[in-house]
C-alpha atoms as a PDB file:
ATOM      1  CA  MET A   1       0.000   0.000   0.000  1.00  0.00           C
ATOM      2  CA  ASN A   2       1.345   3.385  -0.945  1.00  0.00           C
ATOM      3  CA  LYS A   3       1.952   5.855   1.839  1.00  0.00           C
ATOM      4  CA  PRO A   4      -0.479   8.800   1.834  1.00  0.00           C
ATOM      5  CA  ASP A   5       0.785  12.045   0.373  1.00  0.00           C
ATOM      6  CA  ILE A   6       1.178  14.182   3.529  1.00  0.00           C
ATOM      7  CA  THR A   7       1.420  17.367   1.506  1.00  0.00           C
ATOM      8  CA  LYS A   8      -1.962  16.736  -0.117  1.00  0.00           C
ATOM      9  CA  LEU A   9      -3.555  15.803   3.220  1.00  0.00           C
ATOM     10  CA  LEU A  10      -2.332  19.009   4.831  1.00  0.00           C
ATOM     11  CA  GLN A  11      -3.528  21.012   1.854  1.00  0.00           C
ATOM     12  CA  GLY A  12      -6.958  19.423   2.261  1.00  0.00           C
ATOM     13  CA  VAL A  13      -7.047  20.400   5.938  1.00  0.00           C
ATOM     14  CA  ARG A  14      -6.035  23.942   5.070  1.00  0.00           C
ATOM     15  CA  ASP A  15      -8.704  24.161   2.375  1.00  0.00           C
ATOM     16  CA  LYS A  16     -11.370  22.850   4.758  1.00  0.00           C
ATOM     17  CA  LYS A  17     -10.324  25.364   7.399  1.00  0.00           C
ATOM     18  CA  THR A  18     -10.516  28.164   4.860  1.00  0.00           C
ATOM     19  CA  ASP A  19     -14.040  27.063   3.845  1.00  0.00           C
ATOM     20  CA  ILE A  20     -15.171  27.044   7.490  1.00  0.00           C
ATOM     21  CA  GLU A  21     -13.676  30.496   8.088  1.00  0.00           C
ATOM     22  CA  THR A  22     -15.408  31.839   4.982  1.00  0.00           C
ATOM     23  CA  ALA A  23     -18.728  30.365   6.082  1.00  0.00           C
ATOM     24  CA  LEU A  24     -18.391  31.839   9.565  1.00  0.00           C
ATOM     25  CA  LYS A  25     -17.621  35.247   8.071  1.00  0.00           C
ATOM     26  CA  ARG A  26     -20.826  35.057   6.058  1.00  0.00           C
ATOM     27  CA  LEU A  27     -22.847  33.846   9.023  1.00  0.00           C
ATOM     28  CA  GLU A  28     -21.715  36.855  11.043  1.00  0.00           C
ATOM     29  CA  HIS A  29     -24.157  38.922   8.990  1.00  0.00           C
ATOM     30  CA  LEU A  30     -27.017  36.413   8.677  1.00  0.00           C
ATOM     31  CA  PRO A  31     -29.618  35.321   9.476  1.00  0.00           C
ATOM     32  CA  PHE A  32     -32.337  37.482  10.862  1.00  0.00           C
ATOM     33  CA  GLU A  33     -35.920  36.407  11.318  1.00  0.00           C
ATOM     34  CA  ASN A  34     -38.779  38.513   9.972  1.00  0.00           C
ATOM     35  CA  VAL A  35     -41.847  38.220  12.211  1.00  0.00           C
ATOM     36  CA  GLY A  36     -43.669  41.134  10.623  1.00  0.00           C
ATOM     37  CA  TYR A  37     -43.317  43.702  13.407  1.00  0.00           C
ATOM     38  CA  ALA A  38     -39.613  42.952  13.981  1.00  0.00           C
ATOM     39  CA  HIS A  39     -36.506  41.619  12.255  1.00  0.00           C
ATOM     40  CA  ILE A  40     -34.892  39.558  15.004  1.00  0.00           C
ATOM     41  CA  ASP A  41     -31.089  39.468  14.754  1.00  0.00           C
ATOM     42  CA  HIS A  42     -30.286  35.945  15.962  1.00  0.00           C
ATOM     43  CA  HIS A  43     -26.586  36.215  15.174  1.00  0.00           C
ATOM     44  CA  ARG A  44     -25.861  39.458  16.960  1.00  0.00           C
ATOM     45  CA  HIS A  45     -23.940  37.570  19.639  1.00  0.00           C
ATOM     46  CA  LEU A  46     -21.426  36.495  16.964  1.00  0.00           C
ATOM     47  CA  ARG A  47     -20.668  40.130  16.164  1.00  0.00           C
ATOM     48  CA  HIS A  48     -21.152  41.798  19.543  1.00  0.00           C
ATOM     49  CA  GLY A  49     -20.672  39.031  22.082  1.00  0.00           C
ATOM     50  CA  MET A  50     -24.216  39.627  23.338  1.00  0.00           C
ATOM     51  CA  PRO A  51     -27.730  38.895  22.043  1.00  0.00           C
ATOM     52  CA  GLU A  52     -30.151  41.462  20.695  1.00  0.00           C
ATOM     53  CA  VAL A  53     -31.778  43.307  23.589  1.00  0.00           C
ATOM     54  CA  ILE A  54     -35.544  43.793  23.732  1.00  0.00           C
ATOM     55  CA  TYR A  55     -36.486  47.406  24.479  1.00  0.00           C
ATOM     56  CA  CYS A  56     -40.028  47.068  25.809  1.00  0.00           C
ATOM     57  CA  GLU A  57     -41.350  50.628  25.886  1.00  0.00           C
ATOM     58  CA  GLY A  58     -43.530  51.276  22.870  1.00  0.00           C
ATOM     59  CA  LYS A  59     -44.080  47.575  22.210  1.00  0.00           C
ATOM     60  CA  THR A  60     -47.192  45.577  23.057  1.00  0.00           C
ATOM     61  CA  ILE A  61     -46.971  42.597  25.384  1.00  0.00           C
ATOM     62  CA  GLU A  62     -47.681  40.340  22.418  1.00  0.00           C
ATOM     63  CA  GLN A  63     -44.787  41.852  20.462  1.00  0.00           C
ATOM     64  CA  VAL A  64     -42.337  41.504  23.358  1.00  0.00           C
ATOM     65  CA  THR A  65     -43.318  37.913  24.090  1.00  0.00           C
ATOM     66  CA  GLY A  66     -43.270  37.072  20.401  1.00  0.00           C
ATOM     67  CA  ILE A  67     -39.681  38.285  20.069  1.00  0.00           C
ATOM     68  CA  ALA A  68     -38.648  36.554  23.305  1.00  0.00           C
ATOM     69  CA  LYS A  69     -40.234  33.273  22.210  1.00  0.00           C
ATOM     70  CA  ARG A  70     -38.285  33.217  18.935  1.00  0.00           C
ATOM     71  CA  MET A  71     -35.019  34.135  20.703  1.00  0.00           C
ATOM     72  CA  LEU A  72     -35.534  31.369  23.267  1.00  0.00           C
ATOM     73  CA  ALA A  73     -36.118  28.911  20.433  1.00  0.00           C
ATOM     74  CA  HIS A  74     -32.595  29.806  19.269  1.00  0.00           C
ATOM     75  CA  LYS A  75     -31.193  29.168  22.781  1.00  0.00           C
ATOM     76  CA  SER A  76     -30.453  32.857  23.274  1.00  0.00           C
ATOM     77  CA  ASP A  77     -30.105  34.694  26.556  1.00  0.00           C
ATOM     78  CA  ILE A  78     -32.745  37.373  27.082  1.00  0.00           C
ATOM     79  CA  LEU A  79     -32.335  40.913  28.338  1.00  0.00           C
ATOM     80  CA  ALA A  80     -35.516  42.991  28.144  1.00  0.00           C
ATOM     81  CA  THR A  81     -35.225  46.595  29.310  1.00  0.00           C
ATOM     82  CA  ARG A  82     -37.863  49.100  30.500  1.00  0.00           C
ATOM     83  CA  ALA A  83     -40.304  46.265  31.097  1.00  0.00           C
ATOM     84  CA  SER A  84     -43.458  46.435  33.206  1.00  0.00           C
ATOM     85  CA  GLU A  85     -44.544  43.744  35.648  1.00  0.00           C
ATOM     86  CA  LYS A  86     -47.257  42.727  33.161  1.00  0.00           C
ATOM     87  CA  VAL A  87     -44.587  42.091  30.536  1.00  0.00           C
ATOM     88  CA  PHE A  88     -42.547  40.122  33.068  1.00  0.00           C
ATOM     89  CA  LYS A  89     -45.505  37.898  33.971  1.00  0.00           C
ATOM     90  CA  ALA A  90     -46.072  37.163  30.277  1.00  0.00           C
ATOM     91  CA  ILE A  91     -42.399  36.267  29.703  1.00  0.00           C
ATOM     92  CA  LYS A  92     -42.341  34.189  32.896  1.00  0.00           C
ATOM     93  CA  LYS A  93     -44.977  31.976  31.281  1.00  0.00           C
ATOM     94  CA  LEU A  94     -42.570  31.361  28.402  1.00  0.00           C
ATOM     95  CA  ASP A  95     -39.632  30.504  30.649  1.00  0.00           C
ATOM     96  CA  SER A  96     -39.739  29.979  34.410  1.00  0.00           C
ATOM     97  CA  ARG A  97     -36.097  31.103  34.714  1.00  0.00           C
ATOM     98  CA  ALA A  98     -37.074  34.694  33.953  1.00  0.00           C
ATOM     99  CA  ALA A  99     -36.015  37.116  36.698  1.00  0.00           C
ATOM    100  CA  TYR A 100     -37.421  40.629  37.120  1.00  0.00           C
ATOM    101  CA  HIS A 101     -35.205  43.374  38.514  1.00  0.00           C
ATOM    102  CA  GLU A 102     -37.840  45.744  39.791  1.00  0.00           C
ATOM    103  CA  GLN A 103     -35.756  48.895  40.254  1.00  0.00           C
ATOM    104  CA  SER A 104     -34.210  48.746  36.796  1.00  0.00           C
ATOM    105  CA  ARG A 105     -37.323  47.240  35.173  1.00  0.00           C
ATOM    106  CA  ALA A 106     -35.127  44.681  33.437  1.00  0.00           C
ATOM    107  CA  ILE A 107     -35.989  41.056  32.694  1.00  0.00           C
ATOM    108  CA  VAL A 108     -33.151  38.540  32.444  1.00  0.00           C
ATOM    109  CA  ILE A 109     -33.120  34.937  31.248  1.00  0.00           C
ATOM    110  CA  GLN A 110     -29.749  33.185  31.089  1.00  0.00           C
ATOM    111  CA  GLN A 111     -29.268  29.818  29.425  1.00  0.00           C
ATOM    112  CA  LYS A 112     -26.391  29.086  31.790  1.00  0.00           C
ATOM    113  CA  GLN A 113     -24.719  30.976  34.607  1.00  0.00           C
ATOM    114  CA  LYS A 114     -21.728  33.001  33.449  1.00  0.00           C
ATOM    115  CA  LYS A 115     -18.412  33.063  35.230  1.00  0.00           C
ATOM    116  CA  LEU A 116     -17.945  36.673  36.313  1.00  0.00           C
ATOM    117  CA  THR A 117     -14.831  38.641  35.444  1.00  0.00           C
ATOM    118  CA  ASN A 118     -11.947  39.204  37.832  1.00  0.00           C
ATOM    119  CA  GLY A 119     -12.099  42.906  37.032  1.00  0.00           C
ATOM    120  CA  MET A 120     -14.891  44.834  38.758  1.00  0.00           C
ATOM    121  CA  ILE A 121     -17.214  47.592  37.547  1.00  0.00           C
ATOM    122  CA  LEU A 122     -18.159  50.122  40.210  1.00  0.00           C
ATOM    123  CA  VAL A 123     -21.509  51.876  39.784  1.00  0.00           C
ATOM    124  CA  LEU A 124     -22.012  55.057  41.812  1.00  0.00           C
ATOM    125  CA  THR A 125     -25.014  57.351  42.140  1.00  0.00           C
ATOM    126  CA  ALA A 126     -25.207  60.911  43.362  1.00  0.00           C
ATOM    127  CA  GLY A 127     -28.607  60.313  44.982  1.00  0.00           C
ATOM    128  CA  THR A 128     -31.134  57.646  45.823  1.00  0.00           C
ATOM    129  CA  SER A 129     -33.425  58.872  43.029  1.00  0.00           C
ATOM    130  CA  ASP A 130     -30.729  57.949  40.489  1.00  0.00           C
ATOM    131  CA  ILE A 131     -30.769  54.269  41.501  1.00  0.00           C
ATOM    132  CA  PRO A 132     -33.171  52.978  38.774  1.00  0.00           C
ATOM    133  CA  VAL A 133     -30.803  54.132  36.008  1.00  0.00           C
ATOM    134  CA  ALA A 134     -27.782  52.827  37.917  1.00  0.00           C
ATOM    135  CA  GLU A 135     -29.468  49.470  38.414  1.00  0.00           C
ATOM    136  CA  GLU A 136     -30.102  49.222  34.680  1.00  0.00           C
ATOM    137  CA  ALA A 137     -26.348  49.649  34.143  1.00  0.00           C
ATOM    138  CA  ALA A 138     -25.478  47.147  36.883  1.00  0.00           C
ATOM    139  CA  VAL A 139     -27.948  44.465  35.749  1.00  0.00           C
ATOM    140  CA  THR A 140     -26.821  44.821  32.122  1.00  0.00           C
ATOM    141  CA  ALA A 141     -23.104  44.513  32.908  1.00  0.00           C
ATOM    142  CA  GLU A 142     -23.634  41.573  35.252  1.00  0.00           C
ATOM    143  CA  MET A 143     -25.842  39.761  32.752  1.00  0.00           C
ATOM    144  CA  LEU A 144     -23.003  40.082  30.223  1.00  0.00           C
ATOM    145  CA  GLY A 145     -20.553  38.553  32.689  1.00  0.00           C
ATOM    146  CA  SER A 146     -18.925  41.419  34.571  1.00  0.00           C
ATOM    147  CA  ALA A 147     -18.503  41.538  38.322  1.00  0.00           C
ATOM    148  CA  VAL A 148     -20.333  44.642  39.567  1.00  0.00           C
ATOM    149  CA  ARG A 149     -20.350  46.559  42.845  1.00  0.00           C
ATOM    150  CA  THR A 150     -22.814  49.370  43.599  1.00  0.00           C
ATOM    151  CA  VAL A 151     -22.441  52.370  45.914  1.00  0.00           C
ATOM    152  CA  TYR A 152     -25.445  54.677  46.123  1.00  0.00           C
ATOM    153  CA  ASP A 153     -26.149  58.200  47.399  1.00  0.00           C
ATOM    154  CA  VAL A 154     -22.625  59.644  47.535  1.00  0.00           C
ATOM    155  CA  GLY A 155     -23.260  62.992  45.824  1.00  0.00           C
ATOM    156  CA  VAL A 156     -21.246  66.178  46.138  1.00  0.00           C
ATOM    157  CA  ALA A 157     -23.622  67.712  48.686  1.00  0.00           C
ATOM    158  CA  GLY A 158     -21.845  65.482  51.219  1.00  0.00           C
ATOM    159  CA  ILE A 159     -18.466  64.806  49.651  1.00  0.00           C
ATOM    160  CA  HIS A 160     -17.208  62.881  52.698  1.00  0.00           C
ATOM    161  CA  ARG A 161     -19.563  60.040  51.714  1.00  0.00           C
ATOM    162  CA  LEU A 162     -17.700  59.583  48.437  1.00  0.00           C
ATOM    163  CA  LEU A 163     -14.264  59.882  50.029  1.00  0.00           C
ATOM    164  CA  SER A 164     -15.149  57.092  52.460  1.00  0.00           C
ATOM    165  CA  LYS A 165     -15.439  54.749  49.424  1.00  0.00           C
ATOM    166  CA  ARG A 166     -11.840  55.188  48.305  1.00  0.00           C
ATOM    167  CA  ASP A 167     -11.134  51.455  48.547  1.00  0.00           C
ATOM    168  CA  ASP A 168     -13.996  50.714  46.146  1.00  0.00           C
ATOM    169  CA  LEU A 169     -12.731  53.343  43.707  1.00  0.00           C
ATOM    170  CA  ASP A 170      -9.223  51.895  43.811  1.00  0.00           C
ATOM    171  CA  ALA A 171     -10.461  48.321  43.317  1.00  0.00           C
ATOM    172  CA  ALA A 172     -12.579  49.052  40.241  1.00  0.00           C
ATOM    173  CA  ARG A 173     -11.401  48.566  36.670  1.00  0.00           C
ATOM    174  CA  VAL A 174     -14.208  50.769  35.283  1.00  0.00           C
ATOM    175  CA  VAL A 175     -16.415  53.310  37.077  1.00  0.00           C
ATOM    176  CA  VAL A 176     -19.962  54.277  36.096  1.00  0.00           C
ATOM    177  CA  VAL A 177     -21.249  57.478  37.718  1.00  0.00           C
ATOM    178  CA  VAL A 178     -24.978  58.235  37.563  1.00  0.00           C
ATOM    179  CA  ALA A 179     -26.206  61.701  38.548  1.00  0.00           C
ATOM    180  CA  GLY A 180     -29.058  64.122  38.010  1.00  0.00           C
ATOM    181  CA  MET A 181     -29.537  67.653  39.385  1.00  0.00           C
ATOM    182  CA  ASP A 182     -26.266  69.513  38.658  1.00  0.00           C
ATOM    183  CA  GLY A 183     -24.482  66.390  37.392  1.00  0.00           C
ATOM    184  CA  ALA A 184     -21.252  67.308  39.187  1.00  0.00           C
ATOM    185  CA  LEU A 185     -20.308  63.899  40.624  1.00  0.00           C
ATOM    186  CA  PRO A 186     -18.517  62.509  37.523  1.00  0.00           C
ATOM    187  CA  SER A 187     -16.120  65.459  37.489  1.00  0.00           C
ATOM    188  CA  VAL A 188     -15.257  64.904  41.139  1.00  0.00           C
ATOM    189  CA  VAL A 189     -14.760  61.153  40.675  1.00  0.00           C
ATOM    190  CA  GLY A 190     -12.816  61.803  37.470  1.00  0.00           C
ATOM    191  CA  GLY A 191     -10.342  63.850  39.480  1.00  0.00           C
ATOM    192  CA  LEU A 192      -9.767  60.954  41.887  1.00  0.00           C
ATOM    193  CA  VAL A 193      -9.310  57.889  39.635  1.00  0.00           C
ATOM    194  CA  ASP A 194      -6.984  56.785  36.832  1.00  0.00           C
ATOM    195  CA  LYS A 195      -9.434  54.459  35.077  1.00  0.00           C
ATOM    196  CA  PRO A 196     -12.184  54.764  32.441  1.00  0.00           C
ATOM    197  CA  LEU A 197     -15.209  56.612  33.771  1.00  0.00           C
ATOM    198  CA  ILE A 198     -18.667  56.520  32.197  1.00  0.00           C
ATOM    199  CA  ALA A 199     -21.022  59.325  33.200  1.00  0.00           C
ATOM    200  CA  VAL A 200     -24.792  58.922  32.936  1.00  0.00           C
ATOM    201  CA  PRO A 201     -27.042  61.971  33.367  1.00  0.00           C
ATOM    202  CA  THR A 202     -30.515  61.305  34.740  1.00  0.00           C
ATOM    203  CA  SER A 203     -33.758  63.214  34.366  1.00  0.00           C
ATOM    204  CA  VAL A 204     -33.914  63.645  38.155  1.00  0.00           C
ATOM    205  CA  GLY A 205     -34.128  67.269  39.288  1.00  0.00           C
ATOM    206  CA  TYR A 206     -36.172  70.435  39.375  1.00  0.00           C
ATOM    207  CA  GLY A 207     -37.321  72.556  36.445  1.00  0.00           C
ATOM    208  CA  ALA A 208     -33.989  74.143  35.558  1.00  0.00           C
ATOM    209  CA  GLY A 209     -32.537  70.647  35.174  1.00  0.00           C
ATOM    210  CA  PHE A 210     -34.608  70.431  31.969  1.00  0.00           C
ATOM    211  CA  SER A 211     -35.293  66.699  32.426  1.00  0.00           C
ATOM    212  CA  GLY A 212     -31.617  65.774  32.416  1.00  0.00           C
ATOM    213  CA  LEU A 213     -30.283  68.297  29.919  1.00  0.00           C
ATOM    214  CA  ALA A 214     -28.471  70.316  32.600  1.00  0.00           C
ATOM    215  CA  PRO A 215     -26.479  67.348  33.999  1.00  0.00           C
ATOM    216  CA  LEU A 216     -25.818  66.126  30.448  1.00  0.00           C
ATOM    217  CA  LEU A 217     -24.194  69.457  29.538  1.00  0.00           C
ATOM    218  CA  THR A 218     -22.265  69.518  32.822  1.00  0.00           C
ATOM    219  CA  MET A 219     -20.824  66.073  32.093  1.00  0.00           C
ATOM    220  CA  LEU A 220     -19.983  66.949  28.486  1.00  0.00           C
ATOM    221  CA  ASN A 221     -18.178  70.066  29.736  1.00  0.00           C
ATOM    222  CA  SER A 222     -16.280  68.296  32.496  1.00  0.00           C
ATOM    223  CA  CYS A 223     -12.685  69.422  32.975  1.00  0.00           C
ATOM    224  CA  ALA A 224     -11.735  65.955  34.300  1.00  0.00           C
ATOM    225  CA  ALA A 225     -10.065  63.801  31.627  1.00  0.00           C
ATOM    226  CA  GLY A 226     -11.103  60.320  30.557  1.00  0.00           C
ATOM    227  CA  ILE A 227     -14.879  60.670  30.944  1.00  0.00           C
ATOM    228  CA  ALA A 228     -17.300  59.168  28.405  1.00  0.00           C
ATOM    229  CA  VAL A 229     -20.873  60.493  28.566  1.00  0.00           C
ATOM    230  CA  MET A 230     -24.023  58.514  27.811  1.00  0.00           C
ATOM    231  CA  ASN A 231     -27.410  59.867  26.840  1.00  0.00           C
ATOM    232  CA  ILE A 232     -29.940  60.890  29.501  1.00  0.00           C
ATOM    233  CA  ASP A 233     -31.153  57.906  31.591  1.00  0.00           C
ATOM    234  CA  ASN A 234     -29.209  55.444  29.396  1.00  0.00           C
ATOM    235  CA  GLY A 235     -28.097  52.993  32.063  1.00  0.00           C
ATOM    236  CA  PHE A 236     -28.225  50.148  29.559  1.00  0.00           C
ATOM    237  CA  GLY A 237     -25.687  51.811  27.265  1.00  0.00           C
ATOM    238  CA  ALA A 238     -23.394  52.494  30.208  1.00  0.00           C
ATOM    239  CA  GLY A 239     -23.578  48.868  31.304  1.00  0.00           C
ATOM    240  CA  VAL A 240     -22.642  47.587  27.833  1.00  0.00           C
ATOM    241  CA  LEU A 241     -19.723  50.001  27.445  1.00  0.00           C
ATOM    242  CA  ALA A 242     -18.424  49.319  30.951  1.00  0.00           C
ATOM    243  CA  HIS A 243     -18.509  45.569  30.301  1.00  0.00           C
ATOM    244  CA  ARG A 244     -16.660  45.891  26.992  1.00  0.00           C
ATOM    245  CA  ILE A 245     -13.921  47.921  28.647  1.00  0.00           C
ATOM    246  CA  ASN A 246     -13.804  45.500  31.562  1.00  0.00           C
ATOM    247  CA  ILE A 247     -13.294  42.402  29.429  1.00  0.00           C
ATOM    248  CA  LEU A 248     -10.382  44.051  27.623  1.00  0.00           C
ATOM    249  CA  GLY A 249      -8.591  43.864  30.952  1.00  0.00           C
ATOM    250  CA  GLU A 250      -9.381  40.155  31.174  1.00  0.00           C
ATOM    251  CA  LYS A 251      -7.996  39.491  27.711  1.00  0.00           C
ATOM    252  CA  SER A 252      -4.769  41.398  28.355  1.00  0.00           C
ATOM    253  CA  LYS A 253      -3.741  39.028  31.155  1.00  0.00           C
END
């Protein structure tokens, strides 16, 4: 029996690998599922490392549950934001693992428990009224796999409260600061830390706060370096960005 041609065998392996890589590249952009009222992006996790998120405000319960049902059929994790208790009860009927985070109004279903990162995201709020937005950031980041610690009500009106949390600030890899009213807390924290800081303005405050516009402008005009600013009340966006920064630290080790 003749010995196999090793060169040809290796070439065959290389060709097969190339075909698989080409197929995966194509699959990164397909498929989506058209259910009439939505085009569900089932392969978003291949591109982003996370599934499509269901934003519930403006959708009917039937639309939300319809999207969730199709995602669950594809073995996808579920994160539904700005969800009411009625929406949660409807999704709970689809999957008993559904958990409702009341303060953030987020619904989470995980196919399997994730191992949390070594690096930690610290979420701070200026006041107690900012907690719902902060919780949206915390729940989002944790659902994606980041370790999260929260410290609430440490605004500049009593700066000693923030300074007492120096150990938490030092331990964090990324800091998310959520504030309404004058929106000054991110600038103060930005002057104390040497790590990425994500500022989130909230719509909390009196009339001159213009439903979050005043703290948004304060944060955009901060003289502290290294601050990224999210849109008003966008805790979800802050959670995603904080997680992406956090996992870069995991990969660098």
